[in-house]
Amino acid sequence: MPVQPSTGRFGQVTDNEAKYSEAAGVERRLLARFRARVLAQARPLAPRRVLDAGCGEGHVTAWLGSALDHSEVTGVDGRAEALVAFRARNPNLRAEEGDLAALPFDDDAFDLVVCTEVLEHLPDPAAVLRELGRVSAGHLLLTVPHEPFFRTGNLLAGRYASRLGSTPGHLSTWGRRGFLRVVASELEPVRWFSAFPWQGVVARPRMDGGGLGAA
C-alpha cells in the first residue's frame, strides 16, 4: 500500500521514504531514470557548494554527494524527524532544519540549489523560489511531477481514483508551460528537461539577458 504524503510544519513533504525505499518494477526503473536525468543536469555545472532544499530523509542528497566530485553537499528540511533519518543515511553530509521560505543561509551561499519533488507540496511556491534564488550564486535545479502524465500513472496503478490520480499532499499541478511560468516569475529559466513522469528546469537567479531551451 503506497504511503500517502502529507506536509509538515513548513509545508514540506512528509512520509516520503517509501517512494525511494519500496519502489519496484516499473517504478524503480522510472526512479533510476529520474536520478540519471537529474545528475546529468547537475554534473556539467561542476558546483563546489550544493544545497538540497527540502532534502527529507536524504535520498537525493546521497545521490548528489556520491555523483558530484569535490562538492560540499548540504541538506535542509523543516522536519526534525526526517533529519534524524537523513543523518543516519548520510553521516558524512551536513543537514540543517529550516523553513524553505526563510533559509538559514547567507546570500549566494551555494553554487547549485537543488529542489526535487517539493514545490508541488507548498502553499506558496513562488515565495520559496524567491528564497532559493537568494541563496544561489550560480544555478538552481528544480523538479516537479509532469502533469497530466503523473496523475495518469497513478490512475493506471490503481491509486487515488477518488482524487482523479492526484497524490495526497500535492497542492499544485503543472504541465511544461505552467511550470516554466511559475519558475520565470522569480528566476531566470535556462532550460527545461524531461524525466518522465517528472519534469525539471535549470534556472539562474534573476538577471538581465539569458535564454530558454529544452533538453
N, C-alpha and C. Protein backbone atom coordinates (compact mmCIF):
# COMPACT_ATOMS: atom_id res chain seq x y z
N MET A 1 0.86 -1.20 0.00
CA MET A 1 0.00 0.00 0.00
C MET A 1 0.89 1.24 0.00
N PRO A 2 0.77 2.10 -0.97
CA PRO A 2 1.63 3.28 -1.01
C PRO A 2 1.41 4.20 0.18
N VAL A 3 2.49 4.75 0.69
CA VAL A 3 2.39 5.75 1.74
C VAL A 3 1.87 7.04 1.14
N GLN A 4 0.90 7.66 1.77
CA GLN A 4 0.33 8.90 1.27
C GLN A 4 1.08 10.08 1.86
N PRO A 5 1.73 10.88 1.04
CA PRO A 5 2.46 12.02 1.56
C PRO A 5 1.53 13.03 2.21
N SER A 6 2.05 13.74 3.19
CA SER A 6 1.37 14.89 3.78
C SER A 6 2.40 15.98 3.92
N THR A 7 2.06 17.06 4.59
CA THR A 7 3.01 18.14 4.71
C THR A 7 3.30 18.46 6.16
N GLY A 8 4.52 18.92 6.42
CA GLY A 8 4.97 19.22 7.75
C GLY A 8 4.84 20.70 8.09
N ARG A 9 5.55 21.10 9.15
CA ARG A 9 5.39 22.43 9.71
C ARG A 9 5.69 23.51 8.69
N PHE A 10 6.62 23.28 7.78
CA PHE A 10 6.98 24.28 6.79
C PHE A 10 6.41 23.92 5.43
N GLY A 11 5.40 23.06 5.38
CA GLY A 11 4.76 22.72 4.12
C GLY A 11 5.57 21.78 3.26
N GLN A 12 6.58 21.12 3.84
CA GLN A 12 7.42 20.23 3.07
C GLN A 12 6.90 18.79 3.16
N VAL A 13 7.36 17.94 2.28
CA VAL A 13 6.81 16.60 2.15
C VAL A 13 7.13 15.76 3.36
N THR A 14 6.15 14.98 3.83
CA THR A 14 6.40 14.01 4.88
C THR A 14 6.02 12.63 4.37
N ASP A 15 6.45 11.59 5.09
CA ASP A 15 6.11 10.20 4.74
C ASP A 15 6.50 9.85 3.31
N ASN A 16 7.67 10.36 2.88
CA ASN A 16 8.11 10.17 1.50
C ASN A 16 9.13 9.05 1.37
N GLU A 17 9.47 8.40 2.49
CA GLU A 17 10.51 7.39 2.50
C GLU A 17 10.19 6.24 1.54
N ALA A 18 8.91 5.80 1.54
CA ALA A 18 8.55 4.63 0.73
C ALA A 18 8.74 4.87 -0.76
N LYS A 19 8.64 6.12 -1.19
CA LYS A 19 8.81 6.42 -2.61
C LYS A 19 10.14 5.90 -3.13
N TYR A 20 11.18 6.00 -2.31
CA TYR A 20 12.51 5.57 -2.73
C TYR A 20 12.84 4.16 -2.24
N SER A 21 12.45 3.82 -1.00
CA SER A 21 12.89 2.56 -0.42
C SER A 21 12.03 1.37 -0.84
N GLU A 22 10.77 1.60 -1.28
CA GLU A 22 9.88 0.50 -1.59
C GLU A 22 9.55 0.39 -3.07
N ALA A 23 10.11 1.26 -3.89
CA ALA A 23 9.81 1.21 -5.33
C ALA A 23 10.30 -0.11 -5.93
N ALA A 24 9.51 -0.66 -6.84
CA ALA A 24 9.87 -1.92 -7.50
C ALA A 24 9.36 -1.87 -8.93
N GLY A 25 9.91 -2.76 -9.76
CA GLY A 25 9.43 -2.91 -11.12
C GLY A 25 9.55 -1.62 -11.92
N VAL A 26 8.45 -1.24 -12.57
CA VAL A 26 8.44 -0.05 -13.42
C VAL A 26 8.79 1.18 -12.60
N GLU A 27 8.25 1.29 -11.39
CA GLU A 27 8.53 2.47 -10.57
C GLU A 27 10.02 2.59 -10.27
N ARG A 28 10.67 1.48 -9.99
CA ARG A 28 12.11 1.52 -9.73
C ARG A 28 12.88 1.99 -10.96
N ARG A 29 12.46 1.52 -12.14
CA ARG A 29 13.13 1.94 -13.37
C ARG A 29 12.92 3.42 -13.64
N LEU A 30 11.70 3.91 -13.37
CA LEU A 30 11.44 5.34 -13.56
C LEU A 30 12.26 6.19 -12.59
N LEU A 31 12.40 5.73 -11.36
CA LEU A 31 13.22 6.48 -10.39
C LEU A 31 14.69 6.47 -10.79
N ALA A 32 15.16 5.35 -11.34
CA ALA A 32 16.55 5.29 -11.81
C ALA A 32 16.76 6.26 -12.97
N ARG A 33 15.78 6.36 -13.86
CA ARG A 33 15.87 7.32 -14.97
C ARG A 33 15.82 8.75 -14.44
N PHE A 34 14.97 8.98 -13.46
CA PHE A 34 14.89 10.31 -12.84
C PHE A 34 16.24 10.69 -12.24
N ARG A 35 16.84 9.77 -11.51
CA ARG A 35 18.15 10.04 -10.91
C ARG A 35 19.17 10.38 -12.00
N ALA A 36 19.19 9.59 -13.06
CA ALA A 36 20.16 9.82 -14.13
C ALA A 36 19.97 11.17 -14.78
N ARG A 37 18.71 11.57 -14.99
CA ARG A 37 18.43 12.84 -15.64
C ARG A 37 18.81 14.02 -14.74
N VAL A 38 18.53 13.90 -13.44
CA VAL A 38 18.90 14.97 -12.51
C VAL A 38 20.42 15.12 -12.46
N LEU A 39 21.12 14.01 -12.34
CA LEU A 39 22.58 14.09 -12.24
C LEU A 39 23.20 14.55 -13.56
N ALA A 40 22.57 14.21 -14.69
CA ALA A 40 23.08 14.67 -15.98
C ALA A 40 22.98 16.19 -16.11
N GLN A 41 22.00 16.78 -15.45
CA GLN A 41 21.89 18.24 -15.45
C GLN A 41 22.86 18.87 -14.46
N ALA A 42 23.11 18.21 -13.35
CA ALA A 42 23.94 18.79 -12.28
C ALA A 42 25.43 18.70 -12.56
N ARG A 43 25.89 17.58 -13.10
CA ARG A 43 27.33 17.37 -13.25
C ARG A 43 28.05 18.44 -14.07
N PRO A 44 27.52 18.83 -15.25
CA PRO A 44 28.24 19.82 -16.04
C PRO A 44 28.40 21.18 -15.36
N LEU A 45 27.59 21.45 -14.36
CA LEU A 45 27.68 22.73 -13.65
C LEU A 45 28.87 22.76 -12.70
N ALA A 46 29.43 21.58 -12.38
CA ALA A 46 30.62 21.46 -11.53
C ALA A 46 30.53 22.33 -10.28
N PRO A 47 29.45 22.20 -9.51
CA PRO A 47 29.30 23.07 -8.34
C PRO A 47 30.23 22.65 -7.21
N ARG A 48 30.72 23.63 -6.48
CA ARG A 48 31.54 23.34 -5.29
C ARG A 48 30.68 23.25 -4.04
N ARG A 49 29.64 24.09 -3.96
CA ARG A 49 28.75 24.11 -2.80
C ARG A 49 27.33 23.84 -3.29
N VAL A 50 26.70 22.79 -2.75
CA VAL A 50 25.39 22.35 -3.23
C VAL A 50 24.42 22.32 -2.05
N LEU A 51 23.21 22.82 -2.27
CA LEU A 51 22.14 22.72 -1.28
C LEU A 51 21.02 21.85 -1.84
N ASP A 52 20.59 20.85 -1.06
CA ASP A 52 19.40 20.07 -1.38
C ASP A 52 18.28 20.61 -0.51
N ALA A 53 17.42 21.43 -1.09
CA ALA A 53 16.36 22.13 -0.36
C ALA A 53 15.11 21.26 -0.29
N GLY A 54 14.65 20.97 0.93
CA GLY A 54 13.58 20.01 1.12
C GLY A 54 14.12 18.60 1.01
N CYS A 55 15.24 18.36 1.67
CA CYS A 55 16.01 17.12 1.47
C CYS A 55 15.33 15.89 2.04
N GLY A 56 14.38 16.04 2.96
CA GLY A 56 13.73 14.88 3.54
C GLY A 56 14.73 13.95 4.20
N GLU A 57 14.56 12.65 3.93
CA GLU A 57 15.41 11.64 4.55
C GLU A 57 16.77 11.49 3.88
N GLY A 58 17.01 12.28 2.82
CA GLY A 58 18.36 12.35 2.27
C GLY A 58 18.68 11.45 1.11
N HIS A 59 17.67 10.93 0.43
CA HIS A 59 17.94 10.06 -0.72
C HIS A 59 18.62 10.82 -1.85
N VAL A 60 18.01 11.94 -2.28
CA VAL A 60 18.58 12.71 -3.38
C VAL A 60 19.91 13.33 -2.95
N THR A 61 20.00 13.74 -1.69
CA THR A 61 21.26 14.29 -1.19
C THR A 61 22.38 13.27 -1.30
N ALA A 62 22.08 12.02 -1.03
CA ALA A 62 23.08 10.96 -1.16
C ALA A 62 23.51 10.80 -2.62
N TRP A 63 22.54 10.87 -3.55
CA TRP A 63 22.90 10.81 -4.98
C TRP A 63 23.88 11.93 -5.32
N LEU A 64 23.54 13.13 -4.88
CA LEU A 64 24.38 14.28 -5.20
C LEU A 64 25.76 14.14 -4.59
N GLY A 65 25.80 13.69 -3.34
CA GLY A 65 27.08 13.56 -2.66
C GLY A 65 27.99 12.54 -3.31
N SER A 66 27.40 11.46 -3.85
CA SER A 66 28.23 10.42 -4.46
C SER A 66 28.61 10.73 -5.90
N ALA A 67 27.78 11.53 -6.58
CA ALA A 67 27.99 11.77 -8.01
C ALA A 67 28.77 13.05 -8.32
N LEU A 68 28.72 14.02 -7.42
CA LEU A 68 29.36 15.30 -7.69
C LEU A 68 30.70 15.36 -6.96
N ASP A 69 31.75 15.04 -7.68
CA ASP A 69 33.08 15.02 -7.09
C ASP A 69 33.47 16.43 -6.64
N HIS A 70 34.16 16.49 -5.51
CA HIS A 70 34.71 17.74 -4.99
C HIS A 70 33.62 18.75 -4.64
N SER A 71 32.41 18.26 -4.37
CA SER A 71 31.32 19.15 -3.97
C SER A 71 31.02 18.97 -2.49
N GLU A 72 30.71 20.07 -1.83
CA GLU A 72 30.22 20.04 -0.45
C GLU A 72 28.70 20.13 -0.51
N VAL A 73 28.01 19.06 -0.10
CA VAL A 73 26.56 18.97 -0.23
C VAL A 73 25.91 19.12 1.13
N THR A 74 24.94 20.02 1.22
CA THR A 74 24.19 20.30 2.45
C THR A 74 22.72 20.08 2.20
N GLY A 75 22.01 19.51 3.18
CA GLY A 75 20.57 19.38 3.09
C GLY A 75 19.88 20.31 4.06
N VAL A 76 18.66 20.71 3.72
CA VAL A 76 17.83 21.48 4.65
C VAL A 76 16.39 21.01 4.53
N ASP A 77 15.72 20.87 5.67
CA ASP A 77 14.33 20.42 5.68
C ASP A 77 13.67 20.95 6.95
N GLY A 78 12.35 21.06 6.90
CA GLY A 78 11.62 21.60 8.04
C GLY A 78 11.18 20.58 9.05
N ARG A 79 11.52 19.30 8.86
CA ARG A 79 11.03 18.23 9.73
C ARG A 79 12.18 17.57 10.47
N ALA A 80 12.16 17.71 11.79
CA ALA A 80 13.24 17.16 12.60
C ALA A 80 13.33 15.64 12.44
N GLU A 81 12.18 14.97 12.33
CA GLU A 81 12.19 13.51 12.23
C GLU A 81 12.82 13.04 10.93
N ALA A 82 12.61 13.80 9.86
CA ALA A 82 13.25 13.44 8.59
C ALA A 82 14.75 13.62 8.67
N LEU A 83 15.20 14.64 9.39
CA LEU A 83 16.63 14.89 9.50
C LEU A 83 17.33 13.83 10.35
N VAL A 84 16.61 13.21 11.28
CA VAL A 84 17.19 12.08 12.02
C VAL A 84 17.52 10.95 11.04
N ALA A 85 16.57 10.65 10.14
CA ALA A 85 16.81 9.62 9.12
C ALA A 85 17.89 10.06 8.15
N PHE A 86 17.90 11.34 7.79
CA PHE A 86 18.94 11.87 6.90
C PHE A 86 20.32 11.61 7.48
N ARG A 87 20.53 11.94 8.74
CA ARG A 87 21.87 11.82 9.34
C ARG A 87 22.28 10.37 9.51
N ALA A 88 21.30 9.47 9.71
CA ALA A 88 21.62 8.05 9.78
C ALA A 88 22.05 7.53 8.41
N ARG A 89 21.41 8.02 7.36
CA ARG A 89 21.74 7.57 6.00
C ARG A 89 23.01 8.24 5.48
N ASN A 90 23.26 9.48 5.86
CA ASN A 90 24.35 10.28 5.32
C ASN A 90 25.22 10.86 6.44
N PRO A 91 25.94 10.02 7.16
CA PRO A 91 26.69 10.54 8.31
C PRO A 91 27.78 11.53 7.93
N ASN A 92 28.17 11.56 6.68
CA ASN A 92 29.24 12.47 6.26
C ASN A 92 28.72 13.75 5.61
N LEU A 93 27.38 13.90 5.54
CA LEU A 93 26.80 15.08 4.93
C LEU A 93 26.12 15.95 5.99
N ARG A 94 26.14 17.23 5.76
CA ARG A 94 25.56 18.20 6.69
C ARG A 94 24.08 18.40 6.37
N ALA A 95 23.27 18.56 7.41
CA ALA A 95 21.85 18.87 7.23
C ALA A 95 21.41 19.82 8.34
N GLU A 96 20.54 20.76 7.96
CA GLU A 96 20.02 21.72 8.91
C GLU A 96 18.50 21.76 8.84
N GLU A 97 17.86 22.09 9.97
CA GLU A 97 16.43 22.28 9.99
C GLU A 97 16.14 23.73 9.62
N GLY A 98 15.19 23.95 8.71
CA GLY A 98 14.89 25.31 8.33
C GLY A 98 13.68 25.41 7.43
N ASP A 99 13.10 26.58 7.40
CA ASP A 99 11.95 26.91 6.58
C ASP A 99 12.44 27.27 5.17
N LEU A 100 11.90 26.64 4.16
CA LEU A 100 12.34 26.92 2.79
C LEU A 100 12.04 28.34 2.37
N ALA A 101 11.10 28.99 3.03
CA ALA A 101 10.79 30.38 2.69
C ALA A 101 11.62 31.38 3.50
N ALA A 102 12.47 30.87 4.39
CA ALA A 102 13.35 31.74 5.20
C ALA A 102 14.57 30.92 5.58
N LEU A 103 15.41 30.62 4.60
CA LEU A 103 16.52 29.69 4.80
C LEU A 103 17.59 30.25 5.73
N PRO A 104 18.21 29.38 6.52
CA PRO A 104 19.22 29.81 7.48
C PRO A 104 20.62 29.92 6.85
N PHE A 105 20.69 30.54 5.65
CA PHE A 105 21.96 30.65 4.94
C PHE A 105 22.11 32.07 4.39
N ASP A 106 23.37 32.46 4.18
CA ASP A 106 23.65 33.79 3.64
C ASP A 106 23.28 33.87 2.16
N ASP A 107 23.18 35.08 1.65
CA ASP A 107 23.01 35.29 0.22
C ASP A 107 24.16 34.63 -0.54
N ASP A 108 23.85 34.04 -1.70
CA ASP A 108 24.88 33.47 -2.59
C ASP A 108 25.73 32.41 -1.90
N ALA A 109 25.12 31.65 -1.00
CA ALA A 109 25.88 30.68 -0.22
C ALA A 109 26.22 29.40 -0.99
N PHE A 110 25.49 29.14 -2.09
CA PHE A 110 25.66 27.87 -2.81
C PHE A 110 25.81 28.12 -4.31
N ASP A 111 26.62 27.27 -4.95
CA ASP A 111 26.77 27.33 -6.40
C ASP A 111 25.59 26.68 -7.11
N LEU A 112 24.98 25.66 -6.47
CA LEU A 112 23.84 24.95 -7.04
C LEU A 112 22.84 24.68 -5.94
N VAL A 113 21.59 25.06 -6.18
CA VAL A 113 20.49 24.74 -5.27
C VAL A 113 19.58 23.74 -5.97
N VAL A 114 19.39 22.58 -5.37
CA VAL A 114 18.55 21.52 -5.93
C VAL A 114 17.28 21.43 -5.09
N CYS A 115 16.14 21.35 -5.77
CA CYS A 115 14.85 21.21 -5.07
C CYS A 115 14.00 20.24 -5.87
N THR A 116 13.93 18.98 -5.44
CA THR A 116 13.27 17.94 -6.20
C THR A 116 12.01 17.47 -5.49
N GLU A 117 10.89 17.48 -6.19
CA GLU A 117 9.62 16.94 -5.72
C GLU A 117 9.18 17.58 -4.41
N VAL A 118 9.31 18.89 -4.33
CA VAL A 118 8.93 19.64 -3.14
C VAL A 118 7.94 20.76 -3.47
N LEU A 119 8.18 21.50 -4.54
CA LEU A 119 7.39 22.69 -4.82
C LEU A 119 5.90 22.41 -4.95
N GLU A 120 5.53 21.24 -5.44
CA GLU A 120 4.11 20.93 -5.62
C GLU A 120 3.38 20.75 -4.29
N HIS A 121 4.13 20.62 -3.20
CA HIS A 121 3.54 20.44 -1.88
C HIS A 121 3.37 21.75 -1.11
N LEU A 122 3.82 22.85 -1.67
CA LEU A 122 3.91 24.09 -0.92
C LEU A 122 2.75 25.04 -1.22
N PRO A 123 2.24 25.73 -0.22
CA PRO A 123 1.14 26.67 -0.46
C PRO A 123 1.57 27.91 -1.23
N ASP A 124 2.85 28.28 -1.16
CA ASP A 124 3.34 29.47 -1.87
C ASP A 124 4.68 29.15 -2.53
N PRO A 125 4.66 28.39 -3.63
CA PRO A 125 5.93 28.01 -4.27
C PRO A 125 6.73 29.20 -4.76
N ALA A 126 6.08 30.28 -5.18
CA ALA A 126 6.82 31.45 -5.67
C ALA A 126 7.69 32.04 -4.58
N ALA A 127 7.18 32.11 -3.35
CA ALA A 127 7.98 32.65 -2.25
C ALA A 127 9.21 31.79 -1.99
N VAL A 128 9.05 30.47 -2.12
CA VAL A 128 10.19 29.57 -1.91
C VAL A 128 11.19 29.71 -3.05
N LEU A 129 10.72 29.83 -4.28
CA LEU A 129 11.63 30.04 -5.40
C LEU A 129 12.44 31.32 -5.21
N ARG A 130 11.80 32.35 -4.73
CA ARG A 130 12.49 33.61 -4.48
C ARG A 130 13.61 33.41 -3.45
N GLU A 131 13.32 32.65 -2.39
CA GLU A 131 14.31 32.41 -1.35
C GLU A 131 15.42 31.49 -1.84
N LEU A 132 15.09 30.50 -2.64
CA LEU A 132 16.12 29.63 -3.21
C LEU A 132 17.05 30.44 -4.11
N GLY A 133 16.48 31.38 -4.86
CA GLY A 133 17.30 32.24 -5.70
C GLY A 133 18.23 33.12 -4.87
N ARG A 134 17.77 33.54 -3.71
CA ARG A 134 18.61 34.39 -2.86
C ARG A 134 19.89 33.69 -2.44
N VAL A 135 19.80 32.39 -2.13
CA VAL A 135 20.98 31.69 -1.62
C VAL A 135 21.82 31.07 -2.73
N SER A 136 21.40 31.22 -3.98
CA SER A 136 22.14 30.65 -5.11
C SER A 136 23.05 31.70 -5.74
N ALA A 137 24.32 31.34 -5.89
CA ALA A 137 25.27 32.19 -6.60
C ALA A 137 25.47 31.72 -8.04
N GLY A 138 24.80 30.63 -8.41
CA GLY A 138 25.01 30.07 -9.74
C GLY A 138 23.73 29.59 -10.38
N HIS A 139 23.35 28.34 -10.11
CA HIS A 139 22.20 27.73 -10.75
C HIS A 139 21.26 27.09 -9.73
N LEU A 140 20.05 26.81 -10.21
CA LEU A 140 19.06 26.06 -9.46
C LEU A 140 18.56 24.94 -10.34
N LEU A 141 18.31 23.77 -9.74
CA LEU A 141 17.80 22.60 -10.45
C LEU A 141 16.52 22.18 -9.74
N LEU A 142 15.39 22.34 -10.43
CA LEU A 142 14.08 22.18 -9.81
C LEU A 142 13.29 21.11 -10.55
N THR A 143 12.66 20.19 -9.82
CA THR A 143 11.81 19.19 -10.46
C THR A 143 10.47 19.09 -9.75
N VAL A 144 9.44 18.75 -10.56
CA VAL A 144 8.08 18.52 -10.07
C VAL A 144 7.46 17.44 -10.95
N PRO A 145 6.32 16.86 -10.55
CA PRO A 145 5.62 15.94 -11.45
C PRO A 145 5.19 16.65 -12.73
N HIS A 146 5.26 15.92 -13.84
CA HIS A 146 4.83 16.45 -15.14
C HIS A 146 3.39 16.00 -15.38
N GLU A 147 2.49 16.94 -15.26
CA GLU A 147 1.07 16.62 -15.42
C GLU A 147 0.61 16.89 -16.86
N PRO A 148 -0.36 16.10 -17.34
CA PRO A 148 -1.19 15.14 -16.60
C PRO A 148 -0.61 13.74 -16.51
N PHE A 149 0.64 13.55 -16.93
CA PHE A 149 1.21 12.20 -17.03
C PHE A 149 1.36 11.54 -15.65
N PHE A 150 1.76 12.33 -14.65
CA PHE A 150 1.97 11.76 -13.32
C PHE A 150 0.66 11.25 -12.75
N ARG A 151 -0.41 12.05 -12.88
CA ARG A 151 -1.71 11.63 -12.38
C ARG A 151 -2.22 10.41 -13.14
N THR A 152 -2.00 10.38 -14.45
CA THR A 152 -2.42 9.24 -15.25
C THR A 152 -1.73 7.97 -14.78
N GLY A 153 -0.42 8.09 -14.46
CA GLY A 153 0.31 6.94 -13.94
C GLY A 153 -0.28 6.43 -12.63
N ASN A 154 -0.68 7.33 -11.75
CA ASN A 154 -1.32 6.92 -10.51
C ASN A 154 -2.61 6.17 -10.78
N LEU A 155 -3.42 6.70 -11.70
CA LEU A 155 -4.69 6.03 -12.01
C LEU A 155 -4.46 4.64 -12.60
N LEU A 156 -3.48 4.52 -13.49
CA LEU A 156 -3.19 3.22 -14.09
C LEU A 156 -2.70 2.22 -13.05
N ALA A 157 -2.07 2.73 -11.98
CA ALA A 157 -1.60 1.87 -10.90
C ALA A 157 -2.68 1.63 -9.85
N GLY A 158 -3.88 2.18 -10.07
CA GLY A 158 -4.97 1.98 -9.13
C GLY A 158 -4.91 2.85 -7.90
N ARG A 159 -4.24 4.01 -8.00
CA ARG A 159 -4.07 4.87 -6.83
C ARG A 159 -4.91 6.14 -6.95
N TYR A 160 -5.47 6.53 -5.84
CA TYR A 160 -6.11 7.84 -5.67
C TYR A 160 -7.20 8.10 -6.71
N ALA A 161 -8.00 7.07 -7.00
CA ALA A 161 -9.06 7.22 -8.00
C ALA A 161 -10.05 8.31 -7.60
N SER A 162 -10.35 8.41 -6.30
CA SER A 162 -11.31 9.42 -5.85
C SER A 162 -10.78 10.83 -6.02
N ARG A 163 -9.45 10.97 -6.20
CA ARG A 163 -8.81 12.28 -6.42
C ARG A 163 -8.38 12.44 -7.87
N LEU A 164 -8.90 11.57 -8.75
CA LEU A 164 -8.53 11.59 -10.17
C LEU A 164 -7.02 11.48 -10.36
N GLY A 165 -6.39 10.67 -9.51
CA GLY A 165 -4.97 10.40 -9.63
C GLY A 165 -4.07 11.40 -8.95
N SER A 166 -4.63 12.44 -8.33
CA SER A 166 -3.81 13.46 -7.67
C SER A 166 -3.27 12.93 -6.35
N THR A 167 -1.97 12.94 -6.19
CA THR A 167 -1.34 12.43 -4.98
C THR A 167 -1.71 13.29 -3.78
N PRO A 168 -2.15 12.70 -2.67
CA PRO A 168 -2.45 13.49 -1.48
C PRO A 168 -1.24 14.33 -1.08
N GLY A 169 -1.47 15.58 -0.77
CA GLY A 169 -0.38 16.48 -0.41
C GLY A 169 0.07 17.36 -1.54
N HIS A 170 -0.30 17.05 -2.77
CA HIS A 170 0.04 17.91 -3.91
C HIS A 170 -0.93 19.08 -3.95
N LEU A 171 -0.42 20.28 -3.78
CA LEU A 171 -1.25 21.48 -3.77
C LEU A 171 -1.26 22.18 -5.13
N SER A 172 -0.28 21.89 -5.97
CA SER A 172 -0.20 22.49 -7.31
C SER A 172 0.11 21.39 -8.32
N THR A 173 -0.40 21.56 -9.54
CA THR A 173 -0.07 20.66 -10.64
C THR A 173 0.33 21.50 -11.84
N TRP A 174 1.38 21.07 -12.55
CA TRP A 174 1.91 21.85 -13.66
C TRP A 174 2.25 20.98 -14.86
N GLY A 175 1.85 21.44 -16.02
CA GLY A 175 2.43 20.96 -17.27
C GLY A 175 3.70 21.74 -17.53
N ARG A 176 4.28 21.52 -18.72
CA ARG A 176 5.55 22.18 -19.04
C ARG A 176 5.42 23.71 -19.00
N ARG A 177 4.44 24.25 -19.71
CA ARG A 177 4.30 25.71 -19.78
C ARG A 177 4.01 26.31 -18.42
N GLY A 178 3.14 25.65 -17.65
CA GLY A 178 2.80 26.18 -16.33
C GLY A 178 3.98 26.20 -15.39
N PHE A 179 4.80 25.15 -15.43
CA PHE A 179 5.96 25.12 -14.54
C PHE A 179 6.99 26.16 -14.96
N LEU A 180 7.23 26.28 -16.24
CA LEU A 180 8.14 27.33 -16.70
C LEU A 180 7.65 28.71 -16.29
N ARG A 181 6.34 28.91 -16.33
CA ARG A 181 5.78 30.20 -15.96
C ARG A 181 6.01 30.51 -14.49
N VAL A 182 5.79 29.52 -13.60
CA VAL A 182 5.97 29.79 -12.18
C VAL A 182 7.45 29.99 -11.85
N VAL A 183 8.34 29.26 -12.51
CA VAL A 183 9.77 29.46 -12.30
C VAL A 183 10.18 30.85 -12.77
N ALA A 184 9.70 31.23 -13.95
CA ALA A 184 10.08 32.53 -14.53
C ALA A 184 9.53 33.70 -13.73
N SER A 185 8.55 33.46 -12.87
CA SER A 185 8.03 34.55 -12.05
C SER A 185 9.04 35.04 -11.03
N GLU A 186 10.03 34.19 -10.68
CA GLU A 186 11.00 34.56 -9.65
C GLU A 186 12.45 34.36 -10.07
N LEU A 187 12.68 33.55 -11.10
CA LEU A 187 14.03 33.18 -11.51
C LEU A 187 14.16 33.33 -13.02
N GLU A 188 15.34 33.07 -13.53
CA GLU A 188 15.58 33.10 -14.98
C GLU A 188 15.76 31.66 -15.48
N PRO A 189 14.74 31.08 -16.11
CA PRO A 189 14.89 29.72 -16.63
C PRO A 189 16.00 29.65 -17.69
N VAL A 190 16.78 28.59 -17.63
CA VAL A 190 17.84 28.35 -18.61
C VAL A 190 17.42 27.24 -19.56
N ARG A 191 16.89 26.14 -19.03
CA ARG A 191 16.40 25.06 -19.88
C ARG A 191 15.43 24.18 -19.10
N TRP A 192 14.49 23.64 -19.84
CA TRP A 192 13.53 22.66 -19.35
C TRP A 192 14.04 21.28 -19.75
N PHE A 193 13.78 20.26 -18.91
CA PHE A 193 14.14 18.90 -19.30
C PHE A 193 13.08 17.92 -18.80
N SER A 194 12.97 16.81 -19.49
CA SER A 194 12.01 15.77 -19.14
C SER A 194 12.73 14.67 -18.36
N ALA A 195 12.05 14.18 -17.32
CA ALA A 195 12.48 12.98 -16.59
C ALA A 195 11.23 12.16 -16.32
N PHE A 196 10.47 11.89 -17.37
CA PHE A 196 9.13 11.32 -17.34
C PHE A 196 8.98 10.23 -16.26
N PRO A 197 7.94 10.35 -15.41
CA PRO A 197 6.81 11.28 -15.44
C PRO A 197 7.04 12.56 -14.62
N TRP A 198 8.29 12.92 -14.45
CA TRP A 198 8.63 14.19 -13.81
C TRP A 198 9.19 15.14 -14.87
N GLN A 199 9.34 16.39 -14.49
CA GLN A 199 9.94 17.39 -15.36
C GLN A 199 10.84 18.27 -14.52
N GLY A 200 11.77 18.95 -15.18
CA GLY A 200 12.68 19.81 -14.44
C GLY A 200 13.03 21.06 -15.21
N VAL A 201 13.50 22.05 -14.45
CA VAL A 201 14.01 23.29 -15.02
C VAL A 201 15.33 23.62 -14.34
N VAL A 202 16.32 23.92 -15.14
CA VAL A 202 17.55 24.52 -14.64
C VAL A 202 17.38 26.02 -14.79
N ALA A 203 17.66 26.76 -13.73
CA ALA A 203 17.44 28.21 -13.73
C ALA A 203 18.61 28.91 -13.08
N ARG A 204 18.60 30.24 -13.19
CA ARG A 204 19.57 31.09 -12.52
C ARG A 204 18.82 32.14 -11.71
N PRO A 205 19.44 32.72 -10.71
CA PRO A 205 18.83 33.89 -10.07
C PRO A 205 18.54 34.94 -11.10
N ARG A 206 17.51 35.70 -10.91
CA ARG A 206 17.06 36.68 -11.89
C ARG A 206 18.16 37.63 -12.30
N MET A 207 18.35 37.80 -13.61
CA MET A 207 19.35 38.71 -14.14
C MET A 207 18.91 39.11 -15.54
N ASP A 208 19.55 40.10 -16.12
CA ASP A 208 19.22 40.52 -17.48
C ASP A 208 19.74 39.49 -18.49
N GLY A 209 19.09 39.41 -19.61
CA GLY A 209 19.54 38.52 -20.68
C GLY A 209 19.18 37.08 -20.40
N GLY A 210 19.92 36.17 -21.04
CA GLY A 210 19.67 34.75 -20.85
C GLY A 210 18.71 34.23 -21.88
N GLY A 211 18.46 32.93 -21.83
CA GLY A 211 17.56 32.33 -22.81
C GLY A 211 16.87 31.13 -22.23
N LEU A 212 16.11 30.45 -23.05
CA LEU A 212 15.32 29.31 -22.62
C LEU A 212 15.42 28.24 -23.68
N GLY A 213 15.81 27.05 -23.28
CA GLY A 213 15.92 25.96 -24.22
C GLY A 213 15.26 24.73 -23.68
N ALA A 214 15.43 23.61 -24.33
CA ALA A 214 14.87 22.34 -23.88
C ALA A 214 15.89 21.25 -24.09
N ALA A 215 15.84 20.25 -23.21
CA ALA A 215 16.74 19.12 -23.33
C ALA A 215 15.95 17.84 -23.13
